[in-house]
Amino acid sequence: LNTIPAVALGSVEVLRDGASAQYGADAIAGVVNLRLREARSGGAVIASMGGYDTDFTTARGEHSAQDGNQVSLASWVGLPIGEDGFLT
């Protein structure tokens, strides 16, 4: 699931009960449907950054740890194709 960019998702549906009638016997514990974004127009640019900054005290004294710094930049745009088509 890490290979699917979050900006490409329009919605996420979680069916918790057995969905075997619609999805087959392998879906006895439930189903997760990832629906892709469908847009003929519009767009967005999303930037985020984060990290861990932890201060803690032990019997040996105070400690500080910084880890997991990350920066993410994502964008999407919706383009019409013909009368009914689109490219997102």
PDB file of N, CA and C in Angstrom:
ATOM      1  N   LEU A   1       0.803  -1.204   0.000  1.00  0.00           N
ATOM      2  CA  LEU A   1       0.000   0.000   0.000  1.00  0.00           C
ATOM      3  C   LEU A   1       0.840   1.260   0.000  1.00  0.00           C
ATOM      4  N   ASN A   2       2.101   1.158   0.368  1.00  0.00           N
ATOM      5  CA  ASN A   2       2.981   2.326   0.375  1.00  0.00           C
ATOM      6  C   ASN A   2       3.220   2.881  -1.020  1.00  0.00           C
ATOM      7  N   THR A   3       3.022   2.084  -2.058  1.00  0.00           N
ATOM      8  CA  THR A   3       3.298   2.548  -3.412  1.00  0.00           C
ATOM      9  C   THR A   3       2.168   3.398  -3.983  1.00  0.00           C
ATOM     10  N   ILE A   4       1.026   3.475  -3.319  1.00  0.00           N
ATOM     11  CA  ILE A   4      -0.093   4.285  -3.785  1.00  0.00           C
ATOM     12  C   ILE A   4      -0.002   5.653  -3.120  1.00  0.00           C
ATOM     13  N   PRO A   5       0.188   6.726  -3.892  1.00  0.00           N
ATOM     14  CA  PRO A   5       0.273   8.063  -3.278  1.00  0.00           C
ATOM     15  C   PRO A   5      -1.068   8.458  -2.651  1.00  0.00           C
ATOM     16  N   ALA A   6      -1.024   9.063  -1.489  1.00  0.00           N
ATOM     17  CA  ALA A   6      -2.243   9.453  -0.789  1.00  0.00           C
ATOM     18  C   ALA A   6      -3.062  10.461  -1.589  1.00  0.00           C
ATOM     19  N   VAL A   7      -2.429  11.322  -2.380  1.00  0.00           N
ATOM     20  CA  VAL A   7      -3.173  12.314  -3.158  1.00  0.00           C
ATOM     21  C   VAL A   7      -3.929  11.666  -4.315  1.00  0.00           C
ATOM     22  N   ALA A   8      -3.610  10.435  -4.681  1.00  0.00           N
ATOM     23  CA  ALA A   8      -4.314   9.744  -5.760  1.00  0.00           C
ATOM     24  C   ALA A   8      -5.614   9.113  -5.279  1.00  0.00           C
ATOM     25  N   LEU A   9      -5.829   9.053  -3.956  1.00  0.00           N
ATOM     26  CA  LEU A   9      -7.019   8.418  -3.414  1.00  0.00           C
ATOM     27  C   LEU A   9      -8.169   9.404  -3.277  1.00  0.00           C
ATOM     28  N   GLY A  10      -9.327   8.985  -3.768  1.00  0.00           N
ATOM     29  CA  GLY A  10     -10.540   9.774  -3.594  1.00  0.00           C
ATOM     30  C   GLY A  10     -11.255   9.401  -2.314  1.00  0.00           C
ATOM     31  N   SER A  11     -11.283   8.090  -1.997  1.00  0.00           N
ATOM     32  CA  SER A  11     -11.907   7.612  -0.767  1.00  0.00           C
ATOM     33  C   SER A  11     -11.380   6.223  -0.438  1.00  0.00           C
ATOM     34  N   VAL A  12     -11.557   5.843   0.816  1.00  0.00           N
ATOM     35  CA  VAL A  12     -11.195   4.509   1.291  1.00  0.00           C
ATOM     36  C   VAL A  12     -12.427   3.932   1.971  1.00  0.00           C
ATOM     37  N   GLU A  13     -12.858   2.766   1.512  1.00  0.00           N
ATOM     38  CA  GLU A  13     -14.022   2.097   2.084  1.00  0.00           C
ATOM     39  C   GLU A  13     -13.553   0.861   2.830  1.00  0.00           C
ATOM     40  N   VAL A  14     -14.021   0.683   4.069  1.00  0.00           N
ATOM     41  CA  VAL A  14     -13.668  -0.480   4.876  1.00  0.00           C
ATOM     42  C   VAL A  14     -14.948  -1.248   5.166  1.00  0.00           C
ATOM     43  N   LEU A  15     -15.026  -2.478   4.682  1.00  0.00           N
ATOM     44  CA  LEU A  15     -16.149  -3.366   4.971  1.00  0.00           C
ATOM     45  C   LEU A  15     -15.652  -4.359   6.013  1.00  0.00           C
ATOM     46  N   ARG A  16     -16.083  -4.207   7.250  1.00  0.00           N
ATOM     47  CA  ARG A  16     -15.542  -5.001   8.342  1.00  0.00           C
ATOM     48  C   ARG A  16     -16.106  -6.412   8.396  1.00  0.00           C
ATOM     49  N   ASP A  17     -17.346  -6.580   8.063  1.00  0.00           N
ATOM     50  CA  ASP A  17     -17.960  -7.901   8.141  1.00  0.00           C
ATOM     51  C   ASP A  17     -17.587  -8.722   6.922  1.00  0.00           C
ATOM     52  N   GLY A  18     -17.905  -9.978   6.975  1.00  0.00           N
ATOM     53  CA  GLY A  18     -17.630 -10.846   5.836  1.00  0.00           C
ATOM     54  C   GLY A  18     -18.341 -10.343   4.588  1.00  0.00           C
ATOM     55  N   ALA A  19     -17.604 -10.143   3.534  1.00  0.00           N
ATOM     56  CA  ALA A  19     -18.150  -9.625   2.283  1.00  0.00           C
ATOM     57  C   ALA A  19     -18.059 -10.693   1.201  1.00  0.00           C
ATOM     58  N   SER A  20     -18.190 -11.965   1.604  1.00  0.00           N
ATOM     59  CA  SER A  20     -17.956 -13.058   0.671  1.00  0.00           C
ATOM     60  C   SER A  20     -18.998 -13.119  -0.432  1.00  0.00           C
ATOM     61  N   ALA A  21     -20.192 -12.619  -0.190  1.00  0.00           N
ATOM     62  CA  ALA A  21     -21.221 -12.672  -1.234  1.00  0.00           C
ATOM     63  C   ALA A  21     -20.825 -11.827  -2.445  1.00  0.00           C
ATOM     64  N   GLN A  22     -20.163 -10.725  -2.210  1.00  0.00           N
ATOM     65  CA  GLN A  22     -19.782  -9.834  -3.300  1.00  0.00           C
ATOM     66  C   GLN A  22     -18.347 -10.064  -3.776  1.00  0.00           C
ATOM     67  N   TYR A  23     -17.425 -10.410  -2.876  1.00  0.00           N
ATOM     68  CA  TYR A  23     -15.998 -10.470  -3.206  1.00  0.00           C
ATOM     69  C   TYR A  23     -15.405 -11.873  -3.185  1.00  0.00           C
ATOM     70  N   GLY A  24     -16.168 -12.879  -2.838  1.00  0.00           N
ATOM     71  CA  GLY A  24     -15.655 -14.243  -2.850  1.00  0.00           C
ATOM     72  C   GLY A  24     -15.270 -14.728  -1.465  1.00  0.00           C
ATOM     73  N   ALA A  25     -14.893 -15.993  -1.395  1.00  0.00           N
ATOM     74  CA  ALA A  25     -14.620 -16.641  -0.111  1.00  0.00           C
ATOM     75  C   ALA A  25     -13.384 -16.081   0.581  1.00  0.00           C
ATOM     76  N   ASP A  26     -12.452 -15.465  -0.140  1.00  0.00           N
ATOM     77  CA  ASP A  26     -11.239 -14.913   0.477  1.00  0.00           C
ATOM     78  C   ASP A  26     -11.510 -13.652   1.288  1.00  0.00           C
ATOM     79  N   ALA A  27     -12.695 -13.091   1.162  1.00  0.00           N
ATOM     80  CA  ALA A  27     -13.019 -11.841   1.853  1.00  0.00           C
ATOM     81  C   ALA A  27     -13.816 -12.087   3.127  1.00  0.00           C
ATOM     82  N   ILE A  28     -13.581 -13.191   3.793  1.00  0.00           N
ATOM     83  CA  ILE A  28     -14.376 -13.547   4.972  1.00  0.00           C
ATOM     84  C   ILE A  28     -14.135 -12.612   6.147  1.00  0.00           C
ATOM     85  N   ALA A  29     -12.938 -12.026   6.250  1.00  0.00           N
ATOM     86  CA  ALA A  29     -12.629 -11.124   7.363  1.00  0.00           C
ATOM     87  C   ALA A  29     -12.939  -9.668   7.048  1.00  0.00           C
ATOM     88  N   GLY A  30     -13.236  -9.339   5.810  1.00  0.00           N
ATOM     89  CA  GLY A  30     -13.542  -7.972   5.429  1.00  0.00           C
ATOM     90  C   GLY A  30     -12.771  -7.556   4.193  1.00  0.00           C
ATOM     91  N   VAL A  31     -13.041  -6.346   3.727  1.00  0.00           N
ATOM     92  CA  VAL A  31     -12.459  -5.837   2.485  1.00  0.00           C
ATOM     93  C   VAL A  31     -12.105  -4.365   2.672  1.00  0.00           C
ATOM     94  N   VAL A  32     -10.993  -3.936   2.072  1.00  0.00           N
ATOM     95  CA  VAL A  32     -10.636  -2.521   2.017  1.00  0.00           C
ATOM     96  C   VAL A  32     -10.639  -2.125   0.543  1.00  0.00           C
ATOM     97  N   ASN A  33     -11.511  -1.204   0.172  1.00  0.00           N
ATOM     98  CA  ASN A  33     -11.587  -0.688  -1.204  1.00  0.00           C
ATOM     99  C   ASN A  33     -10.877   0.655  -1.264  1.00  0.00           C
ATOM    100  N   LEU A  34      -9.889   0.760  -2.125  1.00  0.00           N
ATOM    101  CA  LEU A  34      -9.207   2.028  -2.361  1.00  0.00           C
ATOM    102  C   LEU A  34      -9.729   2.587  -3.672  1.00  0.00           C
ATOM    103  N   ARG A  35     -10.470   3.679  -3.602  1.00  0.00           N
ATOM    104  CA  ARG A  35     -11.045   4.295  -4.798  1.00  0.00           C
ATOM    105  C   ARG A  35     -10.172   5.475  -5.209  1.00  0.00           C
ATOM    106  N   LEU A  36      -9.750   5.471  -6.464  1.00  0.00           N
ATOM    107  CA  LEU A  36      -8.889   6.542  -6.956  1.00  0.00           C
ATOM    108  C   LEU A  36      -9.684   7.815  -7.204  1.00  0.00           C
ATOM    109  N   ARG A  37      -8.998   8.929  -7.149  1.00  0.00           N
ATOM    110  CA  ARG A  37      -9.610  10.241  -7.366  1.00  0.00           C
ATOM    111  C   ARG A  37     -10.089  10.343  -8.812  1.00  0.00           C
ATOM    112  N   GLU A  38     -11.302  10.848  -8.996  1.00  0.00           N
ATOM    113  CA  GLU A  38     -11.861  11.077 -10.328  1.00  0.00           C
ATOM    114  C   GLU A  38     -12.155  12.566 -10.457  1.00  0.00           C
ATOM    115  N   ALA A  39     -11.322  13.281 -11.193  1.00  0.00           N
ATOM    116  CA  ALA A  39     -11.486  14.733 -11.292  1.00  0.00           C
ATOM    117  C   ALA A  39     -11.289  15.185 -12.732  1.00  0.00           C
ATOM    118  N   ARG A  40     -12.243  15.933 -13.260  1.00  0.00           N
ATOM    119  CA  ARG A  40     -12.125  16.538 -14.586  1.00  0.00           C
ATOM    120  C   ARG A  40     -11.518  17.934 -14.500  1.00  0.00           C
ATOM    121  N   SER A  41     -11.484  18.506 -13.306  1.00  0.00           N
ATOM    122  CA  SER A  41     -10.921  19.848 -13.134  1.00  0.00           C
ATOM    123  C   SER A  41     -10.392  19.978 -11.712  1.00  0.00           C
ATOM    124  N   GLY A  42      -9.659  21.040 -11.491  1.00  0.00           N
ATOM    125  CA  GLY A  42      -9.129  21.306 -10.161  1.00  0.00           C
ATOM    126  C   GLY A  42      -7.731  20.753  -9.979  1.00  0.00           C
ATOM    127  N   GLY A  43      -7.243  20.907  -8.796  1.00  0.00           N
ATOM    128  CA  GLY A  43      -5.916  20.420  -8.473  1.00  0.00           C
ATOM    129  C   GLY A  43      -5.508  20.880  -7.089  1.00  0.00           C
ATOM    130  N   ALA A  44      -4.390  20.357  -6.624  1.00  0.00           N
ATOM    131  CA  ALA A  44      -3.895  20.722  -5.296  1.00  0.00           C
ATOM    132  C   ALA A  44      -2.410  20.413  -5.209  1.00  0.00           C
ATOM    133  N   VAL A  45      -1.742  21.137  -4.345  1.00  0.00           N
ATOM    134  CA  VAL A  45      -0.351  20.876  -3.986  1.00  0.00           C
ATOM    135  C   VAL A  45      -0.320  20.740  -2.472  1.00  0.00           C
ATOM    136  N   ILE A  46       0.286  19.649  -1.996  1.00  0.00           N
ATOM    137  CA  ILE A  46       0.316  19.367  -0.568  1.00  0.00           C
ATOM    138  C   ILE A  46       1.762  19.203  -0.129  1.00  0.00           C
ATOM    139  N   ALA A  47       2.160  19.955   0.881  1.00  0.00           N
ATOM    140  CA  ALA A  47       3.509  19.848   1.445  1.00  0.00           C
ATOM    141  C   ALA A  47       3.377  19.519   2.923  1.00  0.00           C
ATOM    142  N   SER A  48       4.210  18.616   3.393  1.00  0.00           N
ATOM    143  CA  SER A  48       4.197  18.283   4.821  1.00  0.00           C
ATOM    144  C   SER A  48       5.615  17.949   5.272  1.00  0.00           C
ATOM    145  N   MET A  49       5.831  18.138   6.551  1.00  0.00           N
ATOM    146  CA  MET A  49       7.120  17.781   7.129  1.00  0.00           C
ATOM    147  C   MET A  49       6.888  17.338   8.565  1.00  0.00           C
ATOM    148  N   GLY A  50       7.783  16.511   9.064  1.00  0.00           N
ATOM    149  CA  GLY A  50       7.609  16.031  10.420  1.00  0.00           C
ATOM    150  C   GLY A  50       8.851  15.332  10.918  1.00  0.00           C
ATOM    151  N   GLY A  51       8.795  14.945  12.163  1.00  0.00           N
ATOM    152  CA  GLY A  51       9.903  14.243  12.790  1.00  0.00           C
ATOM    153  C   GLY A  51       9.578  13.978  14.244  1.00  0.00           C
ATOM    154  N   TYR A  52      10.457  13.266  14.884  1.00  0.00           N
ATOM    155  CA  TYR A  52      10.302  12.942  16.296  1.00  0.00           C
ATOM    156  C   TYR A  52      11.335  13.725  17.101  1.00  0.00           C
ATOM    157  N   ASP A  53      10.869  14.374  18.136  1.00  0.00           N
ATOM    158  CA  ASP A  53      11.732  15.110  19.060  1.00  0.00           C
ATOM    159  C   ASP A  53      11.295  14.709  20.464  1.00  0.00           C
ATOM    160  N   THR A  54      12.084  13.870  21.110  1.00  0.00           N
ATOM    161  CA  THR A  54      11.690  13.278  22.383  1.00  0.00           C
ATOM    162  C   THR A  54      12.680  13.646  23.479  1.00  0.00           C
ATOM    163  N   ASP A  55      12.150  14.083  24.598  1.00  0.00           N
ATOM    164  CA  ASP A  55      12.941  14.329  25.802  1.00  0.00           C
ATOM    165  C   ASP A  55      12.446  13.363  26.878  1.00  0.00           C
ATOM    166  N   PHE A  56      13.365  12.665  27.527  1.00  0.00           N
ATOM    167  CA  PHE A  56      12.962  11.731  28.568  1.00  0.00           C
ATOM    168  C   PHE A  56      14.021  11.678  29.656  1.00  0.00           C
ATOM    169  N   THR A  57      13.577  11.253  30.832  1.00  0.00           N
ATOM    170  CA  THR A  57      14.452  11.173  32.000  1.00  0.00           C
ATOM    171  C   THR A  57      14.514   9.728  32.461  1.00  0.00           C
ATOM    172  N   THR A  58      15.723   9.260  32.730  1.00  0.00           N
ATOM    173  CA  THR A  58      15.928   7.920  33.274  1.00  0.00           C
ATOM    174  C   THR A  58      16.719   8.035  34.571  1.00  0.00           C
ATOM    175  N   ALA A  59      17.041   6.903  35.150  1.00  0.00           N
ATOM    176  CA  ALA A  59      17.828   6.896  36.389  1.00  0.00           C
ATOM    177  C   ALA A  59      19.221   7.462  36.147  1.00  0.00           C
ATOM    178  N   ARG A  60      19.686   7.437  34.902  1.00  0.00           N
ATOM    179  CA  ARG A  60      21.027   7.942  34.578  1.00  0.00           C
ATOM    180  C   ARG A  60      21.025   9.402  34.135  1.00  0.00           C
ATOM    181  N   GLY A  61      19.862  10.047  34.117  1.00  0.00           N
ATOM    182  CA  GLY A  61      19.813  11.462  33.763  1.00  0.00           C
ATOM    183  C   GLY A  61      18.823  11.753  32.639  1.00  0.00           C
ATOM    184  N   GLU A  62      18.859  12.990  32.159  1.00  0.00           N
ATOM    185  CA  GLU A  62      17.958  13.426  31.101  1.00  0.00           C
ATOM    186  C   GLU A  62      18.572  13.146  29.738  1.00  0.00           C
ATOM    187  N   HIS A  63      17.724  12.765  28.789  1.00  0.00           N
ATOM    188  CA  HIS A  63      18.176  12.440  27.442  1.00  0.00           C
ATOM    189  C   HIS A  63      17.259  13.120  26.423  1.00  0.00           C
ATOM    190  N   SER A  64      17.798  13.338  25.243  1.00  0.00           N
ATOM    191  CA  SER A  64      17.039  13.916  24.148  1.00  0.00           C
ATOM    192  C   SER A  64      17.341  13.120  22.884  1.00  0.00           C
ATOM    193  N   ALA A  65      16.311  12.829  22.109  1.00  0.00           N
ATOM    194  CA  ALA A  65      16.491  12.070  20.869  1.00  0.00           C
ATOM    195  C   ALA A  65      15.691  12.733  19.760  1.00  0.00           C
ATOM    196  N   GLN A  66      16.313  12.846  18.600  1.00  0.00           N
ATOM    197  CA  GLN A  66      15.650  13.385  17.414  1.00  0.00           C
ATOM    198  C   GLN A  66      15.853  12.381  16.287  1.00  0.00           C
ATOM    199  N   ASP A  67      14.752  12.018  15.605  1.00  0.00           N
ATOM    200  CA  ASP A  67      14.840  10.989  14.581  1.00  0.00           C
ATOM    201  C   ASP A  67      13.644  11.104  13.652  1.00  0.00           C
ATOM    202  N   GLY A  68      13.743  10.456  12.520  1.00  0.00           N
ATOM    203  CA  GLY A  68      12.613  10.316  11.616  1.00  0.00           C
ATOM    204  C   GLY A  68      12.227  11.577  10.876  1.00  0.00           C
ATOM    205  N   ASN A  69      13.148  12.504  10.653  1.00  0.00           N
ATOM    206  CA  ASN A  69      12.804  13.717   9.918  1.00  0.00           C
ATOM    207  C   ASN A  69      12.447  13.377   8.484  1.00  0.00           C
ATOM    208  N   GLN A  70      11.369  13.974   7.993  1.00  0.00           N
ATOM    209  CA  GLN A  70      10.950  13.735   6.616  1.00  0.00           C
ATOM    210  C   GLN A  70      10.258  14.961   6.046  1.00  0.00           C
ATOM    211  N   VAL A  71      10.349  15.111   4.734  1.00  0.00           N
ATOM    212  CA  VAL A  71       9.677  16.177   3.999  1.00  0.00           C
ATOM    213  C   VAL A  71       8.981  15.528   2.820  1.00  0.00           C
ATOM    214  N   SER A  72       7.736  15.913   2.579  1.00  0.00           N
ATOM    215  CA  SER A  72       6.954  15.309   1.496  1.00  0.00           C
ATOM    216  C   SER A  72       6.274  16.419   0.693  1.00  0.00           C
ATOM    217  N   LEU A  73       6.303  16.305  -0.625  1.00  0.00           N
ATOM    218  CA  LEU A  73       5.644  17.239  -1.527  1.00  0.00           C
ATOM    219  C   LEU A  73       4.873  16.427  -2.546  1.00  0.00           C
ATOM    220  N   ALA A  74       3.575  16.687  -2.686  1.00  0.00           N
ATOM    221  CA  ALA A  74       2.733  15.937  -3.616  1.00  0.00           C
ATOM    222  C   ALA A  74       1.769  16.896  -4.302  1.00  0.00           C
ATOM    223  N   SER A  75       1.333  16.528  -5.501  1.00  0.00           N
ATOM    224  CA  SER A  75       0.368  17.360  -6.223  1.00  0.00           C
ATOM    225  C   SER A  75      -0.488  16.485  -7.128  1.00  0.00           C
ATOM    226  N   TRP A  76      -1.639  17.022  -7.531  1.00  0.00           N
ATOM    227  CA  TRP A  76      -2.496  16.357  -8.496  1.00  0.00           C
ATOM    228  C   TRP A  76      -3.237  17.424  -9.300  1.00  0.00           C
ATOM    229  N   VAL A  77      -3.682  17.048 -10.489  1.00  0.00           N
ATOM    230  CA  VAL A  77      -4.452  17.944 -11.349  1.00  0.00           C
ATOM    231  C   VAL A  77      -5.441  17.107 -12.142  1.00  0.00           C
ATOM    232  N   GLY A  78      -6.636  17.621 -12.345  1.00  0.00           N
ATOM    233  CA  GLY A  78      -7.662  16.943 -13.125  1.00  0.00           C
ATOM    234  C   GLY A  78      -7.803  17.602 -14.493  1.00  0.00           C
ATOM    235  N   LEU A  79      -7.760  16.796 -15.544  1.00  0.00           N
ATOM    236  CA  LEU A  79      -7.859  17.298 -16.917  1.00  0.00           C
ATOM    237  C   LEU A  79      -8.985  16.596 -17.659  1.00  0.00           C
ATOM    238  N   PRO A  80      -9.859  17.336 -18.362  1.00  0.00           N
ATOM    239  CA  PRO A  80     -10.915  16.683 -19.131  1.00  0.00           C
ATOM    240  C   PRO A  80     -10.370  16.080 -20.430  1.00  0.00           C
ATOM    241  N   ILE A  81     -10.930  14.941 -20.821  1.00  0.00           N
ATOM    242  CA  ILE A  81     -10.622  14.309 -22.100  1.00  0.00           C
ATOM    243  C   ILE A  81     -11.955  14.018 -22.777  1.00  0.00           C
ATOM    244  N   GLY A  82     -12.237  14.700 -23.847  1.00  0.00           N
ATOM    245  CA  GLY A  82     -13.515  14.508 -24.527  1.00  0.00           C
ATOM    246  C   GLY A  82     -14.676  14.979 -23.664  1.00  0.00           C
ATOM    247  N   GLU A  83     -15.868  14.401 -23.920  1.00  0.00           N
ATOM    248  CA  GLU A  83     -17.055  14.807 -23.169  1.00  0.00           C
ATOM    249  C   GLU A  83     -17.184  14.094 -21.837  1.00  0.00           C
ATOM    250  N   ASP A  84     -16.797  12.832 -21.762  1.00  0.00           N
ATOM    251  CA  ASP A  84     -16.986  12.064 -20.550  1.00  0.00           C
ATOM    252  C   ASP A  84     -15.702  11.597 -19.890  1.00  0.00           C
ATOM    253  N   GLY A  85     -14.577  11.788 -20.529  1.00  0.00           N
ATOM    254  CA  GLY A  85     -13.321  11.268 -19.992  1.00  0.00           C
ATOM    255  C   GLY A  85     -12.576  12.260 -19.136  1.00  0.00           C
ATOM    256  N   PHE A  86     -11.591  11.765 -18.426  1.00  0.00           N
ATOM    257  CA  PHE A  86     -10.759  12.631 -17.596  1.00  0.00           C
ATOM    258  C   PHE A  86      -9.428  11.943 -17.369  1.00  0.00           C
ATOM    259  N   LEU A  87      -8.442  12.751 -17.008  1.00  0.00           N
ATOM    260  CA  LEU A  87      -7.124  12.271 -16.623  1.00  0.00           C
ATOM    261  C   LEU A  87      -6.756  12.975 -15.326  1.00  0.00           C
ATOM    262  N   THR A  88      -6.472  12.208 -14.282  1.00  0.00           N
ATOM    263  CA  THR A  88      -6.123  12.792 -12.986  1.00  0.00           C
ATOM    264  C   THR A  88      -4.694  12.417 -12.665  1.00  0.00           C
TER     265      THR A  88
END
